[in-house]
Amino acid sequence: MGYGKKVWIFPDAELPPEGVNNIPGHESVIITNTGEEEAKVNITLFYEEKEPVKGLCVTVGAGRVRCLRTNEEKDFGGYLATVGEQYAIMLESNVPIVAQYGRAETRAVAFYTTPGYNE
């Protein structure tokens, strides 16, 4: 049995633009799978002015961690986040996982992480 929950929501996502001293913006979702079965994670993105993006899928091996960089198609289920666009991220997994969101906010030279809402 693994730790965590099967549904995670991060309501405050935004890939920040380049900031102070030309430092590139960065955001990612970190998923930890402590269980003995591969996690199949479906990702849905929600926006204020457009329809949700559905059908993004990633896997996280049993007993593994995976970083989903939102500016890397290979990491983010074949999708690229748009710089400066506000959105929300929902993860739905077949097995319990632990997830966390992180953003390097280079406009203010700050980094923060936050756990999401989970079910």
PDB file of N, CA and C in Angstrom:
ATOM      1  N   MET A   1       0.841  -1.187   0.000  1.00  0.00           N
ATOM      2  CA  MET A   1       0.000   0.000   0.000  1.00  0.00           C
ATOM      3  C   MET A   1       0.880   1.242   0.000  1.00  0.00           C
ATOM      4  N   GLY A   2       0.537   2.226  -0.815  1.00  0.00           N
ATOM      5  CA  GLY A   2       1.305   3.462  -0.873  1.00  0.00           C
ATOM      6  C   GLY A   2       0.622   4.581  -0.112  1.00  0.00           C
ATOM      7  N   TYR A   3       1.395   5.584   0.228  1.00  0.00           N
ATOM      8  CA  TYR A   3       0.871   6.773   0.896  1.00  0.00           C
ATOM      9  C   TYR A   3       0.302   7.733  -0.132  1.00  0.00           C
ATOM     10  N   GLY A   4      -0.610   8.590   0.287  1.00  0.00           N
ATOM     11  CA  GLY A   4      -1.099   9.642  -0.580  1.00  0.00           C
ATOM     12  C   GLY A   4      -2.569   9.537  -0.891  1.00  0.00           C
ATOM     13  N   LYS A   5      -2.946  10.253  -1.931  1.00  0.00           N
ATOM     14  CA  LYS A   5      -4.330  10.323  -2.397  1.00  0.00           C
ATOM     15  C   LYS A   5      -4.336  10.141  -3.906  1.00  0.00           C
ATOM     16  N   LYS A   6      -5.524   9.873  -4.447  1.00  0.00           N
ATOM     17  CA  LYS A   6      -5.635   9.621  -5.887  1.00  0.00           C
ATOM     18  C   LYS A   6      -5.945  10.870  -6.714  1.00  0.00           C
ATOM     19  N   VAL A   7      -6.463  11.926  -6.080  1.00  0.00           N
ATOM     20  CA  VAL A   7      -6.786  13.163  -6.796  1.00  0.00           C
ATOM     21  C   VAL A   7      -6.103  14.336  -6.101  1.00  0.00           C
ATOM     22  N   TRP A   8      -5.403  15.158  -6.887  1.00  0.00           N
ATOM     23  CA  TRP A   8      -4.719  16.354  -6.386  1.00  0.00           C
ATOM     24  C   TRP A   8      -5.070  17.531  -7.281  1.00  0.00           C
ATOM     25  N   ILE A   9      -5.342  18.697  -6.673  1.00  0.00           N
ATOM     26  CA  ILE A   9      -5.641  19.904  -7.447  1.00  0.00           C
ATOM     27  C   ILE A   9      -4.753  21.040  -6.954  1.00  0.00           C
ATOM     28  N   PHE A  10      -4.137  21.720  -7.918  1.00  0.00           N
ATOM     29  CA  PHE A  10      -3.298  22.890  -7.658  1.00  0.00           C
ATOM     30  C   PHE A  10      -3.951  24.074  -8.371  1.00  0.00           C
ATOM     31  N   PRO A  11      -4.674  24.932  -7.626  1.00  0.00           N
ATOM     32  CA  PRO A  11      -5.459  25.980  -8.269  1.00  0.00           C
ATOM     33  C   PRO A  11      -4.655  27.192  -8.741  1.00  0.00           C
ATOM     34  N   ASP A  12      -3.418  27.350  -8.322  1.00  0.00           N
ATOM     35  CA  ASP A  12      -2.643  28.546  -8.669  1.00  0.00           C
ATOM     36  C   ASP A  12      -1.382  28.168  -9.430  1.00  0.00           C
ATOM     37  N   ALA A  13      -1.525  27.900 -10.724  1.00  0.00           N
ATOM     38  CA  ALA A  13      -0.371  27.567 -11.551  1.00  0.00           C
ATOM     39  C   ALA A  13      -0.147  28.689 -12.561  1.00  0.00           C
ATOM     40  N   GLU A  14       1.115  28.967 -12.838  1.00  0.00           N
ATOM     41  CA  GLU A  14       1.496  29.956 -13.847  1.00  0.00           C
ATOM     42  C   GLU A  14       2.990  29.816 -14.092  1.00  0.00           C
ATOM     43  N   LEU A  15       3.357  29.563 -15.338  1.00  0.00           N
ATOM     44  CA  LEU A  15       4.771  29.524 -15.701  1.00  0.00           C
ATOM     45  C   LEU A  15       5.251  30.965 -15.790  1.00  0.00           C
ATOM     46  N   PRO A  16       6.109  31.414 -14.860  1.00  0.00           N
ATOM     47  CA  PRO A  16       6.509  32.820 -14.854  1.00  0.00           C
ATOM     48  C   PRO A  16       7.479  33.152 -15.992  1.00  0.00           C
ATOM     49  N   PRO A  17       7.468  34.416 -16.425  1.00  0.00           N
ATOM     50  CA  PRO A  17       8.408  34.835 -17.457  1.00  0.00           C
ATOM     51  C   PRO A  17       9.817  34.996 -16.884  1.00  0.00           C
ATOM     52  N   GLU A  18      10.740  35.304 -17.762  1.00  0.00           N
ATOM     53  CA  GLU A  18      12.103  35.614 -17.332  1.00  0.00           C
ATOM     54  C   GLU A  18      12.052  36.770 -16.344  1.00  0.00           C
ATOM     55  N   GLY A  19      12.896  36.709 -15.337  1.00  0.00           N
ATOM     56  CA  GLY A  19      12.842  37.721 -14.296  1.00  0.00           C
ATOM     57  C   GLY A  19      14.145  38.463 -14.115  1.00  0.00           C
ATOM     58  N   VAL A  20      14.404  38.834 -12.885  1.00  0.00           N
ATOM     59  CA  VAL A  20      15.590  39.600 -12.504  1.00  0.00           C
ATOM     60  C   VAL A  20      16.858  38.908 -13.006  1.00  0.00           C
ATOM     61  N   ASN A  21      17.776  39.680 -13.558  1.00  0.00           N
ATOM     62  CA  ASN A  21      19.069  39.177 -14.050  1.00  0.00           C
ATOM     63  C   ASN A  21      18.922  38.064 -15.095  1.00  0.00           C
ATOM     64  N   ASN A  22      17.849  38.129 -15.874  1.00  0.00           N
ATOM     65  CA  ASN A  22      17.593  37.159 -16.952  1.00  0.00           C
ATOM     66  C   ASN A  22      17.430  35.715 -16.454  1.00  0.00           C
ATOM     67  N   ILE A  23      17.018  35.556 -15.218  1.00  0.00           N
ATOM     68  CA  ILE A  23      16.773  34.218 -14.665  1.00  0.00           C
ATOM     69  C   ILE A  23      15.468  33.703 -15.257  1.00  0.00           C
ATOM     70  N   PRO A  24      15.481  32.516 -15.892  1.00  0.00           N
ATOM     71  CA  PRO A  24      14.243  32.003 -16.477  1.00  0.00           C
ATOM     72  C   PRO A  24      13.246  31.573 -15.400  1.00  0.00           C
ATOM     73  N   GLY A  25      11.953  31.740 -15.693  1.00  0.00           N
ATOM     74  CA  GLY A  25      10.916  31.270 -14.788  1.00  0.00           C
ATOM     75  C   GLY A  25      10.854  29.746 -14.809  1.00  0.00           C
ATOM     76  N   HIS A  26      10.299  29.177 -13.759  1.00  0.00           N
ATOM     77  CA  HIS A  26      10.244  27.721 -13.657  1.00  0.00           C
ATOM     78  C   HIS A  26       9.059  27.326 -12.789  1.00  0.00           C
ATOM     79  N   GLU A  27       8.358  26.281 -13.208  1.00  0.00           N
ATOM     80  CA  GLU A  27       7.343  25.669 -12.346  1.00  0.00           C
ATOM     81  C   GLU A  27       7.320  24.181 -12.632  1.00  0.00           C
ATOM     82  N   SER A  28       6.934  23.414 -11.627  1.00  0.00           N
ATOM     83  CA  SER A  28       6.866  21.971 -11.802  1.00  0.00           C
ATOM     84  C   SER A  28       5.931  21.362 -10.771  1.00  0.00           C
ATOM     85  N   VAL A  29       5.498  20.159 -11.088  1.00  0.00           N
ATOM     86  CA  VAL A  29       4.734  19.341 -10.154  1.00  0.00           C
ATOM     87  C   VAL A  29       5.591  18.116  -9.869  1.00  0.00           C
ATOM     88  N   ILE A  30       5.797  17.825  -8.597  1.00  0.00           N
ATOM     89  CA  ILE A  30       6.578  16.670  -8.181  1.00  0.00           C
ATOM     90  C   ILE A  30       5.605  15.607  -7.684  1.00  0.00           C
ATOM     91  N   ILE A  31       5.726  14.399  -8.223  1.00  0.00           N
ATOM     92  CA  ILE A  31       4.854  13.289  -7.821  1.00  0.00           C
ATOM     93  C   ILE A  31       5.711  12.189  -7.217  1.00  0.00           C
ATOM     94  N   THR A  32       5.332  11.732  -6.037  1.00  0.00           N
ATOM     95  CA  THR A  32       5.999  10.614  -5.385  1.00  0.00           C
ATOM     96  C   THR A  32       5.037   9.442  -5.305  1.00  0.00           C
ATOM     97  N   ASN A  33       5.507   8.296  -5.749  1.00  0.00           N
ATOM     98  CA  ASN A  33       4.720   7.065  -5.699  1.00  0.00           C
ATOM     99  C   ASN A  33       5.437   6.102  -4.752  1.00  0.00           C
ATOM    100  N   THR A  34       4.922   5.967  -3.523  1.00  0.00           N
ATOM    101  CA  THR A  34       5.551   5.082  -2.539  1.00  0.00           C
ATOM    102  C   THR A  34       5.037   3.656  -2.627  1.00  0.00           C
ATOM    103  N   GLY A  35       4.068   3.428  -3.508  1.00  0.00           N
ATOM    104  CA  GLY A  35       3.454   2.109  -3.607  1.00  0.00           C
ATOM    105  C   GLY A  35       4.267   1.114  -4.419  1.00  0.00           C
ATOM    106  N   GLU A  36       3.690  -0.064  -4.596  1.00  0.00           N
ATOM    107  CA  GLU A  36       4.356  -1.161  -5.306  1.00  0.00           C
ATOM    108  C   GLU A  36       3.836  -1.340  -6.728  1.00  0.00           C
ATOM    109  N   GLU A  37       2.973  -0.429  -7.180  1.00  0.00           N
ATOM    110  CA  GLU A  37       2.397  -0.491  -8.523  1.00  0.00           C
ATOM    111  C   GLU A  37       2.652   0.847  -9.232  1.00  0.00           C
ATOM    112  N   GLU A  38       2.921   0.788 -10.532  1.00  0.00           N
ATOM    113  CA  GLU A  38       3.127   2.002 -11.319  1.00  0.00           C
ATOM    114  C   GLU A  38       1.891   2.898 -11.235  1.00  0.00           C
ATOM    115  N   ALA A  39       2.106   4.195 -11.081  1.00  0.00           N
ATOM    116  CA  ALA A  39       1.006   5.158 -11.074  1.00  0.00           C
ATOM    117  C   ALA A  39       0.776   5.671 -12.492  1.00  0.00           C
ATOM    118  N   LYS A  40      -0.454   5.578 -12.940  1.00  0.00           N
ATOM    119  CA  LYS A  40      -0.862   6.159 -14.216  1.00  0.00           C
ATOM    120  C   LYS A  40      -1.639   7.420 -13.865  1.00  0.00           C
ATOM    121  N   VAL A  41      -1.088   8.568 -14.216  1.00  0.00           N
ATOM    122  CA  VAL A  41      -1.638   9.849 -13.783  1.00  0.00           C
ATOM    123  C   VAL A  41      -2.200  10.610 -14.981  1.00  0.00           C
ATOM    124  N   ASN A  42      -3.488  10.921 -14.919  1.00  0.00           N
ATOM    125  CA  ASN A  42      -4.140  11.755 -15.933  1.00  0.00           C
ATOM    126  C   ASN A  42      -4.121  13.198 -15.450  1.00  0.00           C
ATOM    127  N   ILE A  43      -3.764  14.104 -16.348  1.00  0.00           N
ATOM    128  CA  ILE A  43      -3.656  15.526 -16.021  1.00  0.00           C
ATOM    129  C   ILE A  43      -4.725  16.294 -16.783  1.00  0.00           C
ATOM    130  N   THR A  44      -5.437  17.171 -16.064  1.00  0.00           N
ATOM    131  CA  THR A  44      -6.381  18.099 -16.678  1.00  0.00           C
ATOM    132  C   THR A  44      -5.973  19.507 -16.268  1.00  0.00           C
ATOM    133  N   LEU A  45      -5.981  20.416 -17.227  1.00  0.00           N
ATOM    134  CA  LEU A  45      -5.645  21.823 -16.976  1.00  0.00           C
ATOM    135  C   LEU A  45      -6.903  22.663 -17.146  1.00  0.00           C
ATOM    136  N   PHE A  46      -7.148  23.567 -16.209  1.00  0.00           N
ATOM    137  CA  PHE A  46      -8.327  24.426 -16.233  1.00  0.00           C
ATOM    138  C   PHE A  46      -7.898  25.877 -16.429  1.00  0.00           C
ATOM    139  N   TYR A  47      -8.661  26.608 -17.248  1.00  0.00           N
ATOM    140  CA  TYR A  47      -8.359  27.999 -17.569  1.00  0.00           C
ATOM    141  C   TYR A  47      -9.578  28.878 -17.337  1.00  0.00           C
ATOM    142  N   GLU A  48      -9.351  30.163 -17.208  1.00  0.00           N
ATOM    143  CA  GLU A  48     -10.447  31.109 -17.024  1.00  0.00           C
ATOM    144  C   GLU A  48     -11.209  31.355 -18.325  1.00  0.00           C
ATOM    145  N   GLU A  49     -10.500  31.465 -19.429  1.00  0.00           N
ATOM    146  CA  GLU A  49     -11.112  31.898 -20.677  1.00  0.00           C
ATOM    147  C   GLU A  49     -11.180  30.841 -21.770  1.00  0.00           C
ATOM    148  N   LYS A  50     -10.738  29.619 -21.510  1.00  0.00           N
ATOM    149  CA  LYS A  50     -10.809  28.592 -22.550  1.00  0.00           C
ATOM    150  C   LYS A  50     -11.143  27.236 -21.938  1.00  0.00           C
ATOM    151  N   GLU A  51     -11.494  26.310 -22.808  1.00  0.00           N
ATOM    152  CA  GLU A  51     -11.896  24.979 -22.367  1.00  0.00           C
ATOM    153  C   GLU A  51     -10.722  24.242 -21.704  1.00  0.00           C
ATOM    154  N   PRO A  52     -11.035  23.323 -20.779  1.00  0.00           N
ATOM    155  CA  PRO A  52      -9.966  22.547 -20.143  1.00  0.00           C
ATOM    156  C   PRO A  52      -9.175  21.734 -21.165  1.00  0.00           C
ATOM    157  N   VAL A  53      -7.922  21.517 -20.861  1.00  0.00           N
ATOM    158  CA  VAL A  53      -7.072  20.624 -21.648  1.00  0.00           C
ATOM    159  C   VAL A  53      -7.095  19.290 -20.919  1.00  0.00           C
ATOM    160  N   LYS A  54      -7.556  18.244 -21.608  1.00  0.00           N
ATOM    161  CA  LYS A  54      -7.676  16.917 -21.002  1.00  0.00           C
ATOM    162  C   LYS A  54      -6.829  15.926 -21.784  1.00  0.00           C
ATOM    163  N   GLY A  55      -6.636  14.758 -21.210  1.00  0.00           N
ATOM    164  CA  GLY A  55      -5.964  13.680 -21.923  1.00  0.00           C
ATOM    165  C   GLY A  55      -4.453  13.665 -21.818  1.00  0.00           C
ATOM    166  N   LEU A  56      -3.893  14.485 -20.949  1.00  0.00           N
ATOM    167  CA  LEU A  56      -2.449  14.436 -20.729  1.00  0.00           C
ATOM    168  C   LEU A  56      -2.176  13.309 -19.733  1.00  0.00           C
ATOM    169  N   CYS A  57      -1.229  12.448 -20.032  1.00  0.00           N
ATOM    170  CA  CYS A  57      -0.964  11.286 -19.179  1.00  0.00           C
ATOM    171  C   CYS A  57       0.529  11.130 -18.928  1.00  0.00           C
ATOM    172  N   VAL A  58       0.865  10.771 -17.703  1.00  0.00           N
ATOM    173  CA  VAL A  58       2.243  10.448 -17.336  1.00  0.00           C
ATOM    174  C   VAL A  58       2.214   9.214 -16.437  1.00  0.00           C
ATOM    175  N   THR A  59       3.347   8.574 -16.308  1.00  0.00           N
ATOM    176  CA  THR A  59       3.470   7.457 -15.377  1.00  0.00           C
ATOM    177  C   THR A  59       4.581   7.748 -14.386  1.00  0.00           C
ATOM    178  N   VAL A  60       4.423   7.202 -13.192  1.00  0.00           N
ATOM    179  CA  VAL A  60       5.443   7.300 -12.151  1.00  0.00           C
ATOM    180  C   VAL A  60       5.653   5.884 -11.638  1.00  0.00           C
ATOM    181  N   GLY A  61       6.853   5.380 -11.774  1.00  0.00           N
ATOM    182  CA  GLY A  61       7.144   4.013 -11.383  1.00  0.00           C
ATOM    183  C   GLY A  61       6.901   3.746  -9.911  1.00  0.00           C
ATOM    184  N   ALA A  62       6.721   2.479  -9.574  1.00  0.00           N
ATOM    185  CA  ALA A  62       6.556   2.070  -8.175  1.00  0.00           C
ATOM    186  C   ALA A  62       7.810   2.455  -7.399  1.00  0.00           C
ATOM    187  N   GLY A  63       7.606   3.072  -6.249  1.00  0.00           N
ATOM    188  CA  GLY A  63       8.731   3.472  -5.415  1.00  0.00           C
ATOM    189  C   GLY A  63       9.614   4.533  -6.053  1.00  0.00           C
ATOM    190  N   ARG A  64       9.007   5.416  -6.866  1.00  0.00           N
ATOM    191  CA  ARG A  64       9.777   6.428  -7.589  1.00  0.00           C
ATOM    192  C   ARG A  64       9.180   7.816  -7.391  1.00  0.00           C
ATOM    193  N   VAL A  65       9.962   8.825  -7.800  1.00  0.00           N
ATOM    194  CA  VAL A  65       9.527  10.218  -7.819  1.00  0.00           C
ATOM    195  C   VAL A  65       9.700  10.721  -9.244  1.00  0.00           C
ATOM    196  N   ARG A  66       8.827  11.652  -9.647  1.00  0.00           N
ATOM    197  CA  ARG A  66       8.944  12.226 -10.994  1.00  0.00           C
ATOM    198  C   ARG A  66       8.628  13.710 -10.952  1.00  0.00           C
ATOM    199  N   CYS A  67       9.466  14.483 -11.628  1.00  0.00           N
ATOM    200  CA  CYS A  67       9.287  15.929 -11.726  1.00  0.00           C
ATOM    201  C   CYS A  67       8.660  16.246 -13.075  1.00  0.00           C
ATOM    202  N   LEU A  68       7.518  16.897 -13.059  1.00  0.00           N
ATOM    203  CA  LEU A  68       6.839  17.318 -14.284  1.00  0.00           C
ATOM    204  C   LEU A  68       7.105  18.804 -14.487  1.00  0.00           C
ATOM    205  N   ARG A  69       8.079  19.124 -15.320  1.00  0.00           N
ATOM    206  CA  ARG A  69       8.375  20.525 -15.640  1.00  0.00           C
ATOM    207  C   ARG A  69       7.372  20.973 -16.692  1.00  0.00           C
ATOM    208  N   THR A  70       6.631  22.024 -16.388  1.00  0.00           N
ATOM    209  CA  THR A  70       5.535  22.422 -17.269  1.00  0.00           C
ATOM    210  C   THR A  70       6.005  23.070 -18.566  1.00  0.00           C
ATOM    211  N   ASN A  71       7.280  23.364 -18.676  1.00  0.00           N
ATOM    212  CA  ASN A  71       7.823  23.920 -19.921  1.00  0.00           C
ATOM    213  C   ASN A  71       8.586  22.862 -20.722  1.00  0.00           C
ATOM    214  N   GLU A  72       8.376  21.602 -20.401  1.00  0.00           N
ATOM    215  CA  GLU A  72       9.015  20.481 -21.109  1.00  0.00           C
ATOM    216  C   GLU A  72       7.933  19.486 -21.535  1.00  0.00           C
ATOM    217  N   GLU A  73       7.687  19.384 -22.847  1.00  0.00           N
ATOM    218  CA  GLU A  73       6.651  18.478 -23.343  1.00  0.00           C
ATOM    219  C   GLU A  73       6.839  17.044 -22.849  1.00  0.00           C
ATOM    220  N   LYS A  74       8.080  16.569 -22.826  1.00  0.00           N
ATOM    221  CA  LYS A  74       8.341  15.183 -22.418  1.00  0.00           C
ATOM    222  C   LYS A  74       7.969  14.945 -20.959  1.00  0.00           C
ATOM    223  N   ASP A  75       8.013  15.986 -20.146  1.00  0.00           N
ATOM    224  CA  ASP A  75       7.661  15.868 -18.730  1.00  0.00           C
ATOM    225  C   ASP A  75       6.168  16.036 -18.480  1.00  0.00           C
ATOM    226  N   PHE A  76       5.532  16.917 -19.255  1.00  0.00           N
ATOM    227  CA  PHE A  76       4.176  17.379 -18.941  1.00  0.00           C
ATOM    228  C   PHE A  76       3.127  16.762 -19.858  1.00  0.00           C
ATOM    229  N   GLY A  77       3.281  15.479 -20.142  1.00  0.00           N
ATOM    230  CA  GLY A  77       2.278  14.745 -20.902  1.00  0.00           C
ATOM    231  C   GLY A  77       2.096  15.214 -22.332  1.00  0.00           C
ATOM    232  N   GLY A  78       3.148  15.776 -22.930  1.00  0.00           N
ATOM    233  CA  GLY A  78       3.071  16.231 -24.311  1.00  0.00           C
ATOM    234  C   GLY A  78       2.538  17.640 -24.483  1.00  0.00           C
ATOM    235  N   TYR A  79       2.459  18.404 -23.406  1.00  0.00           N
ATOM    236  CA  TYR A  79       1.896  19.756 -23.434  1.00  0.00           C
ATOM    237  C   TYR A  79       2.931  20.741 -22.909  1.00  0.00           C
ATOM    238  N   LEU A  80       2.841  21.988 -23.348  1.00  0.00           N
ATOM    239  CA  LEU A  80       3.694  23.058 -22.832  1.00  0.00           C
ATOM    240  C   LEU A  80       2.813  24.133 -22.208  1.00  0.00           C
ATOM    241  N   ALA A  81       3.134  24.543 -20.985  1.00  0.00           N
ATOM    242  CA  ALA A  81       2.426  25.659 -20.367  1.00  0.00           C
ATOM    243  C   ALA A  81       2.821  26.946 -21.098  1.00  0.00           C
ATOM    244  N   THR A  82       1.896  27.899 -21.128  1.00  0.00           N
ATOM    245  CA  THR A  82       2.155  29.202 -21.737  1.00  0.00           C
ATOM    246  C   THR A  82       2.666  30.152 -20.670  1.00  0.00           C
ATOM    247  N   VAL A  83       3.767  30.817 -20.952  1.00  0.00           N
ATOM    248  CA  VAL A  83       4.352  31.763 -20.001  1.00  0.00           C
ATOM    249  C   VAL A  83       3.324  32.840 -19.645  1.00  0.00           C
ATOM    250  N   GLY A  84       3.147  33.061 -18.343  1.00  0.00           N
ATOM    251  CA  GLY A  84       2.290  34.121 -17.849  1.00  0.00           C
ATOM    252  C   GLY A  84       0.804  33.833 -17.836  1.00  0.00           C
ATOM    253  N   GLU A  85       0.378  32.646 -18.252  1.00  0.00           N
ATOM    254  CA  GLU A  85      -1.048  32.318 -18.278  1.00  0.00           C
ATOM    255  C   GLU A  85      -1.458  31.592 -16.995  1.00  0.00           C
ATOM    256  N   GLN A  86      -2.441  32.127 -16.309  1.00  0.00           N
ATOM    257  CA  GLN A  86      -2.963  31.538 -15.077  1.00  0.00           C
ATOM    258  C   GLN A  86      -3.789  30.301 -15.404  1.00  0.00           C
ATOM    259  N   TYR A  87      -3.587  29.216 -14.668  1.00  0.00           N
ATOM    260  CA  TYR A  87      -4.371  28.004 -14.861  1.00  0.00           C
ATOM    261  C   TYR A  87      -4.334  27.156 -13.599  1.00  0.00           C
ATOM    262  N   ALA A  88      -5.077  26.071 -13.596  1.00  0.00           N
ATOM    263  CA  ALA A  88      -5.088  25.130 -12.479  1.00  0.00           C
ATOM    264  C   ALA A  88      -4.766  23.742 -13.024  1.00  0.00           C
ATOM    265  N   ILE A  89      -4.198  22.902 -12.160  1.00  0.00           N
ATOM    266  CA  ILE A  89      -3.777  21.555 -12.549  1.00  0.00           C
ATOM    267  C   ILE A  89      -4.513  20.536 -11.684  1.00  0.00           C
ATOM    268  N   MET A  90      -5.090  19.520 -12.326  1.00  0.00           N
ATOM    269  CA  MET A  90      -5.690  18.404 -11.592  1.00  0.00           C
ATOM    270  C   MET A  90      -4.988  17.114 -12.011  1.00  0.00           C
ATOM    271  N   LEU A  91      -4.554  16.344 -11.021  1.00  0.00           N
ATOM    272  CA  LEU A  91      -3.946  15.035 -11.238  1.00  0.00           C
ATOM    273  C   LEU A  91      -4.915  13.974 -10.743  1.00  0.00           C
ATOM    274  N   GLU A  92      -5.152  12.940 -11.552  1.00  0.00           N
ATOM    275  CA  GLU A  92      -5.991  11.812 -11.150  1.00  0.00           C
ATOM    276  C   GLU A  92      -5.191  10.541 -11.387  1.00  0.00           C
ATOM    277  N   SER A  93      -4.940   9.797 -10.320  1.00  0.00           N
ATOM    278  CA  SER A  93      -4.072   8.620 -10.379  1.00  0.00           C
ATOM    279  C   SER A  93      -4.849   7.346 -10.072  1.00  0.00           C
ATOM    280  N   ASN A  94      -4.388   6.243 -10.641  1.00  0.00           N
ATOM    281  CA  ASN A  94      -5.003   4.940 -10.363  1.00  0.00           C
ATOM    282  C   ASN A  94      -4.595   4.384  -9.000  1.00  0.00           C
ATOM    283  N   VAL A  95      -3.509   4.904  -8.426  1.00  0.00           N
ATOM    284  CA  VAL A  95      -3.025   4.485  -7.103  1.00  0.00           C
ATOM    285  C   VAL A  95      -2.716   5.739  -6.280  1.00  0.00           C
ATOM    286  N   PRO A  96      -2.655   5.632  -4.951  1.00  0.00           N
ATOM    287  CA  PRO A  96      -2.327   6.804  -4.146  1.00  0.00           C
ATOM    288  C   PRO A  96      -0.931   7.346  -4.470  1.00  0.00           C
ATOM    289  N   ILE A  97      -0.848   8.672  -4.577  1.00  0.00           N
ATOM    290  CA  ILE A  97       0.417   9.381  -4.800  1.00  0.00           C
ATOM    291  C   ILE A  97       0.461  10.588  -3.870  1.00  0.00           C
ATOM    292  N   VAL A  98       1.639  11.152  -3.717  1.00  0.00           N
ATOM    293  CA  VAL A  98       1.806  12.428  -3.024  1.00  0.00           C
ATOM    294  C   VAL A  98       2.313  13.415  -4.059  1.00  0.00           C
ATOM    295  N   ALA A  99       1.698  14.606  -4.114  1.00  0.00           N
ATOM    296  CA  ALA A  99       2.067  15.591  -5.126  1.00  0.00           C
ATOM    297  C   ALA A  99       2.288  16.956  -4.487  1.00  0.00           C
ATOM    298  N   GLN A 100       3.162  17.719  -5.113  1.00  0.00           N
ATOM    299  CA  GLN A 100       3.508  19.054  -4.639  1.00  0.00           C
ATOM    300  C   GLN A 100       3.794  19.930  -5.850  1.00  0.00           C
ATOM    301  N   TYR A 101       3.421  21.199  -5.766  1.00  0.00           N
ATOM    302  CA  TYR A 101       3.655  22.172  -6.830  1.00  0.00           C
ATOM    303  C   TYR A 101       4.751  23.132  -6.384  1.00  0.00           C
ATOM    304  N   GLY A 102       5.634  23.488  -7.295  1.00  0.00           N
ATOM    305  CA  GLY A 102       6.679  24.457  -6.989  1.00  0.00           C
ATOM    306  C   GLY A 102       6.851  25.451  -8.115  1.00  0.00           C
ATOM    307  N   ARG A 103       7.166  26.691  -7.751  1.00  0.00           N
ATOM    308  CA  ARG A 103       7.380  27.733  -8.762  1.00  0.00           C
ATOM    309  C   ARG A 103       8.538  28.623  -8.337  1.00  0.00           C
ATOM    310  N   ALA A 104       9.458  28.843  -9.269  1.00  0.00           N
ATOM    311  CA  ALA A 104      10.513  29.834  -9.081  1.00  0.00           C
ATOM    312  C   ALA A 104       9.966  31.132  -9.651  1.00  0.00           C
ATOM    313  N   GLU A 105       9.599  32.015  -8.779  1.00  0.00           N
ATOM    314  CA  GLU A 105       8.999  33.298  -9.174  1.00  0.00           C
ATOM    315  C   GLU A 105      10.124  34.305  -9.337  1.00  0.00           C
ATOM    316  N   THR A 106      10.651  34.353 -10.555  1.00  0.00           N
ATOM    317  CA  THR A 106      11.864  35.130 -10.813  1.00  0.00           C
ATOM    318  C   THR A 106      11.614  36.631 -10.894  1.00  0.00           C
ATOM    319  N   ARG A 107      10.358  37.048 -11.015  1.00  0.00           N
ATOM    320  CA  ARG A 107      10.065  38.493 -11.011  1.00  0.00           C
ATOM    321  C   ARG A 107      10.333  39.075  -9.627  1.00  0.00           C
ATOM    322  N   ALA A 108      10.197  38.247  -8.609  1.00  0.00           N
ATOM    323  CA  ALA A 108      10.432  38.694  -7.234  1.00  0.00           C
ATOM    324  C   ALA A 108      11.596  37.947  -6.595  1.00  0.00           C
ATOM    325  N   VAL A 109      12.278  37.119  -7.362  1.00  0.00           N
ATOM    326  CA  VAL A 109      13.376  36.274  -6.896  1.00  0.00           C
ATOM    327  C   VAL A 109      12.936  35.497  -5.658  1.00  0.00           C
ATOM    328  N   ALA A 110      11.954  34.647  -5.853  1.00  0.00           N
ATOM    329  CA  ALA A 110      11.417  33.831  -4.764  1.00  0.00           C
ATOM    330  C   ALA A 110      11.107  32.442  -5.305  1.00  0.00           C
ATOM    331  N   PHE A 111      11.124  31.472  -4.408  1.00  0.00           N
ATOM    332  CA  PHE A 111      10.733  30.109  -4.758  1.00  0.00           C
ATOM    333  C   PHE A 111       9.761  29.631  -3.698  1.00  0.00           C
ATOM    334  N   TYR A 112       8.689  29.026  -4.150  1.00  0.00           N
ATOM    335  CA  TYR A 112       7.773  28.464  -3.158  1.00  0.00           C
ATOM    336  C   TYR A 112       7.214  27.143  -3.648  1.00  0.00           C
ATOM    337  N   THR A 113       6.820  26.344  -2.688  1.00  0.00           N
ATOM    338  CA  THR A 113       6.166  25.075  -2.975  1.00  0.00           C
ATOM    339  C   THR A 113       4.884  25.018  -2.159  1.00  0.00           C
ATOM    340  N   THR A 114       3.957  24.212  -2.636  1.00  0.00           N
ATOM    341  CA  THR A 114       2.714  24.062  -1.914  1.00  0.00           C
ATOM    342  C   THR A 114       2.103  22.694  -2.202  1.00  0.00           C
ATOM    343  N   PRO A 115       1.570  22.050  -1.180  1.00  0.00           N
ATOM    344  CA  PRO A 115       0.781  20.849  -1.451  1.00  0.00           C
ATOM    345  C   PRO A 115      -0.551  21.293  -2.034  1.00  0.00           C
ATOM    346  N   GLY A 116      -1.192  20.442  -2.760  1.00  0.00           N
ATOM    347  CA  GLY A 116      -2.492  20.785  -3.340  1.00  0.00           C
ATOM    348  C   GLY A 116      -3.619  20.254  -2.484  1.00  0.00           C
ATOM    349  N   TYR A 117      -4.823  20.542  -2.934  1.00  0.00           N
ATOM    350  CA  TYR A 117      -6.014  19.939  -2.357  1.00  0.00           C
ATOM    351  C   TYR A 117      -6.034  18.493  -2.812  1.00  0.00           C
ATOM    352  N   ASN A 118      -6.406  17.593  -1.925  1.00  0.00           N
ATOM    353  CA  ASN A 118      -6.424  16.181  -2.336  1.00  0.00           C
ATOM    354  C   ASN A 118      -7.662  15.468  -1.826  1.00  0.00           C
ATOM    355  N   GLU A 119      -8.002  14.401  -2.534  1.00  0.00           N
ATOM    356  CA  GLU A 119      -9.158  13.550  -2.192  1.00  0.00           C
ATOM    357  C   GLU A 119      -8.687  12.117  -2.138  1.00  0.00           C
TER     358      GLU A 119
END
